[in-house]
Amino acid sequence: MKYPRTFHLPDSPGATADDRVQHDLSQLTGELVVTEKMDGGNLTFTRDLMHGRSLDSGTHAWDRRAKAEWARVAPLLPPGWRVSGESMWARRSVAYERLPGVYLVFGVWDASGALLDWDSTVEWAALLELPLVPVLYRGPDLAAARAAWAAARTAETSEGFVVRTAAPIARSAFPWRCLKWVRAQHVRTRADWRHRDDFAVNTFA
């Protein structure tokens, strides 16, 4: 199943004409979780395959390390379930140091297509021995959630943040309950980096 498009928050400076912006924030209620939007490659793990945003995206050289992680955890995944995360081996626009792993989890989906609640996501990541994306805030205050990134990161060292409800999210509700804020001109890599064999890599703890 293709990963759903994440809409931008209304004040996201990185939104382009091709992006979708969510102006209705009425469903960002209850407990909220803010995670750092990592500058990696969106990868999905299932029991049977690993793929990018779409099923036919193929496997790239910069995902080799993540593919090894998929091979390790795939037998542990229930049929129809999916793990979503960032492939972090290749360095893109942000240079990271001492990352906890080459694949950072930000979501787990059950067989019905629902995104698990955050506590269950944390439990599954621990079970699979996969690190999570950094958590910047957890609480009920949307204003505090939106301010958490600026208090901990800068546009030079971070691409942005994602805010979601801590509760489970049905696929149909995803455009209202999981939104992103992205820095201006967030893609700052050379246009040819995907075609090079000598791409830079991040460092890991």
Protein backbone atom coordinates (compact mmCIF):
# COMPACT_ATOMS: atom_id res chain seq x y z
CA MET A 1 0.00 0.00 0.00
CA LYS A 2 1.37 3.40 -0.96
CA TYR A 3 2.37 5.67 1.91
CA PRO A 4 -0.25 8.43 2.26
CA ARG A 5 0.65 12.02 1.49
CA THR A 6 1.40 14.08 4.60
CA PHE A 7 -0.20 17.52 4.40
CA HIS A 8 1.68 20.65 5.49
CA LEU A 9 0.70 22.82 8.42
CA PRO A 10 -0.60 26.22 7.28
CA ASP A 11 2.62 28.04 8.25
CA SER A 12 5.03 25.48 6.78
CA PRO A 13 7.53 27.51 4.72
CA GLY A 14 8.61 24.48 2.72
CA ALA A 15 5.21 23.89 1.12
CA THR A 16 5.32 24.26 -2.66
CA ALA A 17 2.63 24.58 -5.30
CA ASP A 18 2.61 20.79 -5.66
CA ASP A 19 2.08 20.17 -1.94
CA ARG A 20 -1.15 20.05 0.01
CA VAL A 21 -1.74 22.28 3.01
CA GLN A 22 -4.18 21.40 5.79
CA HIS A 23 -5.93 24.47 7.17
CA ASP A 24 -8.37 22.55 9.37
CA LEU A 25 -6.52 21.72 12.58
CA SER A 26 -9.62 20.81 14.56
CA GLN A 27 -8.68 17.11 14.69
CA LEU A 28 -5.24 17.74 16.21
CA THR A 29 -6.69 17.29 19.69
CA GLY A 30 -5.96 15.21 22.75
CA GLU A 31 -2.42 14.06 23.36
CA LEU A 32 -0.03 15.05 20.57
CA VAL A 33 3.41 13.77 19.61
CA VAL A 34 5.97 15.85 17.74
CA THR A 35 8.82 14.02 16.04
CA GLU A 36 11.71 15.39 14.04
CA LYS A 37 11.22 15.11 10.28
CA MET A 38 14.43 13.39 9.30
CA ASP A 39 16.15 14.09 6.00
CA GLY A 40 16.19 10.51 4.79
CA GLY A 41 14.34 8.25 2.40
CA ASN A 42 10.83 7.05 3.21
CA LEU A 43 10.90 3.25 3.35
CA THR A 44 8.20 0.74 4.23
CA PHE A 45 8.93 -2.72 5.64
CA THR A 46 6.38 -5.51 5.26
CA ARG A 47 6.67 -9.22 5.85
CA ASP A 48 7.20 -9.78 2.12
CA LEU A 49 8.99 -6.73 0.75
CA MET A 50 10.66 -3.38 1.30
CA HIS A 51 9.64 -0.39 -0.80
CA GLY A 52 9.66 3.40 -0.95
CA ARG A 53 6.56 5.58 -1.06
CA SER A 54 5.09 3.41 -3.81
CA LEU A 55 5.27 -0.36 -4.27
CA ASP A 56 7.20 -0.08 -7.55
CA SER A 57 9.90 2.26 -6.24
CA GLY A 58 12.60 -0.40 -6.28
CA THR A 59 15.72 -0.63 -4.13
CA HIS A 60 18.54 1.91 -4.39
CA ALA A 61 22.20 1.73 -3.48
CA TRP A 62 21.74 4.10 -0.55
CA ASP A 63 19.15 1.75 0.98
CA ARG A 64 21.44 -1.29 1.20
CA ARG A 65 21.96 -0.93 4.94
CA ALA A 66 18.23 -0.49 5.55
CA LYS A 67 17.53 -3.57 3.43
CA ALA A 68 19.69 -5.62 5.77
CA GLU A 69 17.50 -4.43 8.65
CA TRP A 70 14.37 -5.36 6.72
CA ALA A 71 15.71 -8.89 6.14
CA ARG A 72 16.27 -9.21 9.88
CA VAL A 73 12.85 -8.01 11.05
CA ALA A 74 10.55 -9.15 8.21
CA PRO A 75 9.80 -12.59 9.76
CA LEU A 76 8.59 -10.82 12.92
CA LEU A 77 5.95 -8.72 11.16
CA PRO A 78 2.34 -9.93 11.14
CA PRO A 79 0.80 -10.45 7.68
CA GLY A 80 -0.58 -7.21 6.28
CA TRP A 81 1.30 -5.00 8.75
CA ARG A 82 3.74 -2.28 7.68
CA VAL A 83 6.54 -0.40 9.39
CA SER A 84 7.33 3.09 8.07
CA GLY A 85 10.65 4.79 8.65
CA GLU A 86 13.52 6.81 7.26
CA SER A 87 16.51 5.25 5.53
CA MET A 88 19.38 7.29 6.95
CA TRP A 89 22.60 5.81 5.58
CA ALA A 90 23.05 8.33 2.73
CA ARG A 91 23.63 11.96 3.61
CA ARG A 92 21.21 14.25 1.82
CA SER A 93 20.66 17.92 2.69
CA VAL A 94 21.34 17.55 6.43
CA ALA A 95 24.56 16.01 7.75
CA TYR A 96 23.78 13.86 10.79
CA GLU A 97 26.28 12.57 13.31
CA ARG A 98 25.93 9.69 15.76
CA LEU A 99 22.54 8.52 14.56
CA PRO A 100 21.15 5.53 16.49
CA GLY A 101 20.65 3.44 13.35
CA VAL A 102 20.36 3.34 9.57
CA TYR A 103 16.56 3.00 9.72
CA LEU A 104 14.48 5.16 12.07
CA VAL A 105 10.85 4.19 12.67
CA PHE A 106 8.08 6.79 12.68
CA GLY A 107 4.97 4.66 12.22
CA VAL A 108 3.48 1.16 12.27
CA TRP A 109 0.31 0.21 10.38
CA ASP A 110 -1.93 -2.76 11.13
CA ALA A 111 -3.67 -5.00 8.59
CA SER A 112 -6.73 -2.71 8.49
CA GLY A 113 -4.56 0.17 7.27
CA ALA A 114 -4.72 2.11 10.54
CA LEU A 115 -1.66 3.84 11.98
CA LEU A 116 -1.02 2.47 15.47
CA ASP A 117 -1.10 4.72 18.51
CA TRP A 118 2.28 6.10 19.51
CA ASP A 119 2.76 3.89 22.57
CA SER A 120 2.20 0.78 20.45
CA THR A 121 4.61 2.18 17.86
CA VAL A 122 7.26 2.53 20.56
CA GLU A 123 6.60 -1.04 21.71
CA TRP A 124 6.90 -2.45 18.19
CA ALA A 125 10.11 -0.55 17.53
CA ALA A 126 11.57 -2.00 20.72
CA LEU A 127 10.40 -5.50 19.78
CA LEU A 128 12.05 -5.18 16.37
CA GLU A 129 15.14 -3.55 17.88
CA LEU A 130 14.77 -0.57 15.57
CA PRO A 131 15.36 3.01 16.78
CA LEU A 132 12.69 5.69 16.55
CA VAL A 133 12.89 9.15 15.05
CA PRO A 134 13.61 11.76 17.77
CA VAL A 135 10.60 12.84 19.84
CA LEU A 136 10.56 16.58 20.53
CA TYR A 137 7.27 16.95 22.41
CA ARG A 138 4.42 14.95 23.87
CA GLY A 139 1.43 16.60 25.45
CA PRO A 140 -1.98 18.20 24.89
CA ASP A 141 -0.95 21.73 23.87
CA LEU A 142 -0.92 22.33 20.10
CA ALA A 143 0.89 25.66 20.49
CA ALA A 144 3.62 23.99 22.55
CA ALA A 145 3.79 21.14 20.07
CA ARG A 146 4.34 23.54 17.20
CA ALA A 147 6.98 25.49 19.16
CA ALA A 148 8.95 22.41 20.25
CA TRP A 149 10.99 22.12 17.08
CA ALA A 150 12.19 25.74 17.15
CA ALA A 151 13.21 25.32 20.79
CA ALA A 152 15.40 22.30 20.03
CA ARG A 153 16.50 22.58 16.38
CA THR A 154 17.42 25.08 13.66
CA ALA A 155 16.77 25.15 9.92
CA GLU A 156 20.46 24.50 9.32
CA THR A 157 20.50 21.23 11.23
CA SER A 158 16.96 19.89 10.81
CA GLU A 159 14.43 19.58 8.01
CA GLY A 160 11.37 20.17 10.19
CA PHE A 161 8.87 18.26 12.30
CA VAL A 162 5.77 16.07 12.17
CA VAL A 163 2.89 16.42 14.61
CA ARG A 164 0.37 13.61 15.07
CA THR A 165 -2.24 12.52 17.54
CA ALA A 166 -0.91 9.95 19.99
CA ALA A 167 -4.08 7.90 19.47
CA PRO A 168 -4.50 5.48 16.55
CA ILE A 169 -5.16 7.15 13.19
CA ALA A 170 -7.47 5.62 10.59
CA ARG A 171 -6.11 5.96 7.07
CA SER A 172 -9.09 8.14 6.13
CA ALA A 173 -8.25 10.55 8.98
CA PHE A 174 -4.52 10.77 8.23
CA PRO A 175 -4.70 14.13 6.34
CA TRP A 176 -6.10 15.80 9.48
CA ARG A 177 -4.28 14.00 12.28
CA CYS A 178 -0.71 13.78 11.00
CA LEU A 179 0.79 16.98 9.57
CA LYS A 180 4.25 18.33 8.86
CA TRP A 181 6.19 21.58 9.01
CA VAL A 182 9.17 21.79 6.68
CA ARG A 183 11.89 24.43 6.47
CA ALA A 184 12.11 26.67 3.40
CA GLN A 185 14.09 25.20 0.50
CA HIS A 186 14.46 21.97 2.42
CA VAL A 187 16.04 20.08 -0.52
CA ARG A 188 19.62 21.33 -0.72
CA THR A 189 21.46 18.41 -2.28
CA ARG A 190 23.16 18.34 -5.66
CA ALA A 191 20.78 17.24 -8.39
CA ASP A 192 23.06 14.35 -9.41
CA TRP A 193 23.62 12.77 -6.00
CA ARG A 194 21.21 9.90 -6.70
CA HIS A 195 23.28 8.88 -9.72
CA ARG A 196 26.63 8.78 -7.93
CA ASP A 197 28.32 5.77 -6.36
CA ASP A 198 30.38 7.95 -4.03
CA PHE A 199 27.50 9.62 -2.17
CA ALA A 200 28.27 10.93 1.29
CA VAL A 201 26.99 9.02 4.31
CA ASN A 202 25.91 10.00 7.81
CA THR A 203 27.74 8.80 10.90
CA PHE A 204 26.29 6.46 13.50
CA ALA A 205 26.68 5.88 17.20
